[in-house]
């Protein structure tokens, strides 16, 4: 079950659609939505930090309730997606 505020790894396609790579995302849809629908709403989490990126939110291990990020990251709030739960 996907829960709001969790960071999970999901397969993202390469731009040429030839393959996928697992990438971290933050689940932003609420738990009622997540229970009632076949998809969830997510934001991209990235370790690619750009100095002048005014749309991203810094994310570090201090922000996590549990788990560890391998490196300092950002939540790209301008990169919203819906993903199928299956």
N, C-alpha and C. Protein backbone atom coordinates (compact mmCIF):
# COMPACT_ATOMS: atom_id res chain seq x y z
N UNK A 1 0.85 -1.19 0.00
CA UNK A 1 0.00 0.00 0.00
C UNK A 1 0.88 1.24 0.00
N UNK A 2 0.64 2.12 -0.91
CA UNK A 2 1.36 3.38 -0.97
C UNK A 2 0.77 4.35 0.05
N UNK A 3 1.64 5.05 0.78
CA UNK A 3 1.21 5.99 1.81
C UNK A 3 1.77 7.37 1.50
N UNK A 4 0.96 8.40 1.77
CA UNK A 4 1.40 9.77 1.58
C UNK A 4 2.68 10.01 2.38
N UNK A 5 3.61 10.75 1.81
CA UNK A 5 4.89 11.14 2.40
C UNK A 5 5.98 10.07 2.30
N UNK A 6 5.66 8.91 1.73
CA UNK A 6 6.69 7.88 1.54
C UNK A 6 7.51 8.19 0.30
N UNK A 7 8.77 7.80 0.35
CA UNK A 7 9.63 7.85 -0.83
C UNK A 7 9.80 6.41 -1.30
N UNK A 8 9.45 6.16 -2.55
CA UNK A 8 9.54 4.82 -3.11
C UNK A 8 10.28 4.87 -4.44
N UNK A 9 10.80 3.73 -4.86
CA UNK A 9 11.47 3.62 -6.15
C UNK A 9 10.47 3.09 -7.18
N UNK A 10 10.39 3.77 -8.30
CA UNK A 10 9.48 3.35 -9.37
C UNK A 10 10.24 3.34 -10.70
N UNK A 11 9.86 2.47 -11.63
CA UNK A 11 10.53 2.46 -12.94
C UNK A 11 10.10 3.66 -13.79
N UNK A 12 11.07 4.43 -14.23
CA UNK A 12 10.83 5.56 -15.13
C UNK A 12 11.43 5.23 -16.49
N UNK A 13 10.70 5.51 -17.57
CA UNK A 13 11.25 5.22 -18.90
C UNK A 13 12.31 6.25 -19.30
N UNK A 14 13.28 5.78 -20.06
CA UNK A 14 14.21 6.70 -20.70
C UNK A 14 13.44 7.51 -21.74
N UNK A 15 13.98 8.64 -22.14
CA UNK A 15 13.26 9.51 -23.09
C UNK A 15 12.98 8.82 -24.42
N UNK A 16 13.84 7.87 -24.82
CA UNK A 16 13.60 7.15 -26.08
C UNK A 16 12.70 5.92 -25.88
N UNK A 17 12.23 5.71 -24.64
CA UNK A 17 11.33 4.62 -24.27
C UNK A 17 11.92 3.23 -24.48
N UNK A 18 13.25 3.14 -24.62
CA UNK A 18 13.90 1.85 -24.87
C UNK A 18 13.99 0.98 -23.63
N UNK A 19 13.97 1.60 -22.46
CA UNK A 19 14.12 0.86 -21.22
C UNK A 19 13.66 1.74 -20.06
N UNK A 20 13.77 1.22 -18.85
CA UNK A 20 13.41 2.00 -17.67
C UNK A 20 14.53 1.94 -16.64
N UNK A 21 14.49 2.87 -15.72
CA UNK A 21 15.44 2.90 -14.61
C UNK A 21 14.66 3.27 -13.36
N UNK A 22 14.96 2.61 -12.24
CA UNK A 22 14.25 2.92 -10.99
C UNK A 22 14.71 4.26 -10.46
N UNK A 23 13.73 5.09 -10.13
CA UNK A 23 13.98 6.44 -9.61
C UNK A 23 13.13 6.67 -8.37
N UNK A 24 13.64 7.49 -7.43
CA UNK A 24 12.84 7.79 -6.23
C UNK A 24 11.78 8.85 -6.52
N UNK A 25 10.62 8.66 -5.89
CA UNK A 25 9.54 9.63 -5.96
C UNK A 25 8.93 9.78 -4.57
N UNK A 26 8.36 10.94 -4.31
CA UNK A 26 7.64 11.21 -3.07
C UNK A 26 6.15 11.11 -3.36
N UNK A 27 5.44 10.31 -2.59
CA UNK A 27 3.99 10.18 -2.77
C UNK A 27 3.32 11.38 -2.13
N UNK A 28 2.58 12.15 -2.94
CA UNK A 28 1.91 13.35 -2.44
C UNK A 28 0.40 13.20 -2.34
N UNK A 29 -0.18 12.24 -3.03
CA UNK A 29 -1.63 12.04 -2.91
C UNK A 29 -1.95 11.50 -1.52
N UNK A 30 -3.13 11.89 -0.99
CA UNK A 30 -3.46 11.47 0.37
C UNK A 30 -3.86 9.99 0.41
N UNK A 31 -3.86 9.44 1.62
CA UNK A 31 -4.07 8.00 1.78
C UNK A 31 -5.46 7.55 1.32
N UNK A 32 -6.47 8.38 1.49
CA UNK A 32 -7.81 8.02 1.02
C UNK A 32 -7.81 7.86 -0.50
N UNK A 33 -7.17 8.80 -1.19
CA UNK A 33 -7.05 8.70 -2.64
C UNK A 33 -6.27 7.43 -3.02
N UNK A 34 -5.15 7.20 -2.32
CA UNK A 34 -4.30 6.05 -2.63
C UNK A 34 -5.03 4.73 -2.45
N UNK A 35 -5.94 4.66 -1.48
CA UNK A 35 -6.71 3.44 -1.25
C UNK A 35 -7.83 3.26 -2.28
N UNK A 36 -8.38 4.36 -2.79
CA UNK A 36 -9.55 4.27 -3.65
C UNK A 36 -9.30 4.23 -5.14
N UNK A 37 -8.08 4.53 -5.57
CA UNK A 37 -7.81 4.61 -7.00
C UNK A 37 -6.64 3.70 -7.37
N UNK A 38 -6.49 3.44 -8.66
CA UNK A 38 -5.43 2.56 -9.14
C UNK A 38 -4.12 3.28 -9.40
N UNK A 39 -4.08 4.59 -9.12
CA UNK A 39 -2.84 5.32 -9.30
C UNK A 39 -2.56 6.18 -8.08
N UNK A 40 -1.35 6.72 -8.02
CA UNK A 40 -0.96 7.65 -6.96
C UNK A 40 -0.28 8.85 -7.60
N UNK A 41 -0.32 9.99 -6.93
CA UNK A 41 0.31 11.21 -7.43
C UNK A 41 1.66 11.35 -6.74
N UNK A 42 2.70 11.59 -7.52
CA UNK A 42 4.06 11.63 -6.99
C UNK A 42 4.82 12.85 -7.51
N UNK A 43 5.87 13.23 -6.77
CA UNK A 43 6.85 14.23 -7.20
C UNK A 43 8.19 13.53 -7.37
N UNK A 44 8.95 13.97 -8.32
CA UNK A 44 10.29 13.42 -8.54
C UNK A 44 11.22 13.86 -7.42
N UNK A 45 12.06 12.92 -6.95
CA UNK A 45 13.14 13.21 -6.01
C UNK A 45 14.43 13.03 -6.79
N UNK A 46 15.35 14.00 -6.67
CA UNK A 46 16.57 13.95 -7.46
C UNK A 46 17.78 14.40 -6.65
N UNK A 47 18.92 13.81 -6.95
CA UNK A 47 20.17 14.28 -6.34
C UNK A 47 20.86 15.31 -7.23
N UNK A 48 20.26 15.60 -8.38
CA UNK A 48 20.78 16.64 -9.27
C UNK A 48 20.30 17.99 -8.75
N UNK A 49 21.15 18.66 -8.00
CA UNK A 49 20.78 19.92 -7.36
C UNK A 49 21.39 21.07 -8.15
N UNK A 50 20.54 21.96 -8.60
CA UNK A 50 20.99 23.12 -9.36
C UNK A 50 20.84 24.36 -8.50
N UNK A 51 21.87 25.15 -8.46
CA UNK A 51 21.93 26.32 -7.58
C UNK A 51 20.75 27.27 -7.75
N UNK A 52 20.31 27.45 -8.96
CA UNK A 52 19.28 28.46 -9.23
C UNK A 52 17.90 27.83 -9.47
N UNK A 53 17.69 26.65 -8.93
CA UNK A 53 16.40 25.97 -9.08
C UNK A 53 15.46 26.44 -7.99
N UNK A 54 14.63 27.41 -8.31
CA UNK A 54 13.76 28.02 -7.31
C UNK A 54 12.50 27.21 -7.05
N UNK A 55 12.28 26.13 -7.79
CA UNK A 55 11.06 25.35 -7.65
C UNK A 55 11.24 24.08 -6.82
N UNK A 56 12.45 23.72 -6.49
CA UNK A 56 12.71 22.48 -5.74
C UNK A 56 12.83 22.75 -4.25
N UNK A 57 12.55 21.71 -3.46
CA UNK A 57 12.66 21.77 -2.00
C UNK A 57 13.79 20.85 -1.57
N UNK A 58 14.72 21.38 -0.78
CA UNK A 58 15.83 20.57 -0.29
C UNK A 58 15.32 19.41 0.55
N UNK A 59 16.00 18.26 0.44
CA UNK A 59 15.63 17.06 1.18
C UNK A 59 16.90 16.40 1.68
N UNK A 60 16.97 16.15 3.00
CA UNK A 60 18.12 15.47 3.58
C UNK A 60 17.63 14.37 4.50
N UNK A 61 18.55 13.58 5.03
CA UNK A 61 18.18 12.50 5.94
C UNK A 61 17.47 13.02 7.18
N UNK A 62 17.75 14.26 7.59
CA UNK A 62 17.07 14.84 8.76
C UNK A 62 15.57 15.02 8.52
N UNK A 63 15.15 15.07 7.27
CA UNK A 63 13.74 15.24 6.93
C UNK A 63 12.96 13.93 6.93
N UNK A 64 13.65 12.81 6.99
CA UNK A 64 13.00 11.51 6.87
C UNK A 64 12.58 10.96 8.23
N UNK A 65 11.42 10.32 8.28
CA UNK A 65 10.98 9.64 9.49
C UNK A 65 11.75 8.34 9.67
N UNK A 66 12.09 7.69 8.56
CA UNK A 66 12.88 6.47 8.58
C UNK A 66 13.57 6.34 7.22
N UNK A 67 14.58 5.49 7.15
CA UNK A 67 15.31 5.29 5.91
C UNK A 67 16.45 6.28 5.75
N UNK A 68 17.22 6.06 4.70
CA UNK A 68 18.40 6.89 4.45
C UNK A 68 18.46 7.24 2.97
N UNK A 69 18.75 8.49 2.70
CA UNK A 69 19.05 8.92 1.33
C UNK A 69 20.54 8.73 1.09
N UNK A 70 20.94 8.19 -0.05
CA UNK A 70 22.37 8.02 -0.31
C UNK A 70 23.12 9.34 -0.44
N UNK A 71 22.41 10.39 -0.82
CA UNK A 71 23.03 11.71 -0.90
C UNK A 71 21.96 12.79 -0.78
N UNK A 72 22.41 14.02 -0.53
CA UNK A 72 21.46 15.14 -0.42
C UNK A 72 20.66 15.23 -1.71
N UNK A 73 19.38 15.52 -1.56
CA UNK A 73 18.48 15.49 -2.72
C UNK A 73 17.53 16.68 -2.68
N UNK A 74 16.70 16.78 -3.71
CA UNK A 74 15.65 17.78 -3.77
C UNK A 74 14.36 17.11 -4.23
N UNK A 75 13.24 17.70 -3.79
CA UNK A 75 11.93 17.30 -4.30
C UNK A 75 11.58 18.29 -5.40
N UNK A 76 11.37 17.80 -6.58
CA UNK A 76 11.06 18.66 -7.73
C UNK A 76 9.54 18.82 -7.82
N UNK A 77 9.02 19.81 -7.10
CA UNK A 77 7.57 19.98 -7.01
C UNK A 77 6.93 20.35 -8.35
N UNK A 78 7.72 20.79 -9.29
CA UNK A 78 7.21 21.11 -10.63
C UNK A 78 7.20 19.88 -11.54
N UNK A 79 7.60 18.73 -11.01
CA UNK A 79 7.60 17.47 -11.77
C UNK A 79 6.63 16.51 -11.11
N UNK A 80 5.33 16.72 -11.34
CA UNK A 80 4.27 15.87 -10.79
C UNK A 80 3.85 14.83 -11.82
N UNK A 81 3.59 13.61 -11.34
CA UNK A 81 3.15 12.53 -12.21
C UNK A 81 2.10 11.70 -11.48
N UNK A 82 1.29 11.00 -12.24
CA UNK A 82 0.50 9.92 -11.67
C UNK A 82 1.14 8.62 -12.14
N UNK A 83 1.21 7.65 -11.23
CA UNK A 83 1.77 6.35 -11.58
C UNK A 83 0.77 5.27 -11.19
N UNK A 84 0.75 4.22 -11.97
CA UNK A 84 -0.10 3.07 -11.69
C UNK A 84 0.47 2.31 -10.50
N UNK A 85 -0.38 1.91 -9.57
CA UNK A 85 0.07 1.20 -8.38
C UNK A 85 0.58 -0.20 -8.69
N UNK A 86 0.21 -0.73 -9.83
CA UNK A 86 0.66 -2.07 -10.19
C UNK A 86 1.99 -1.99 -10.88
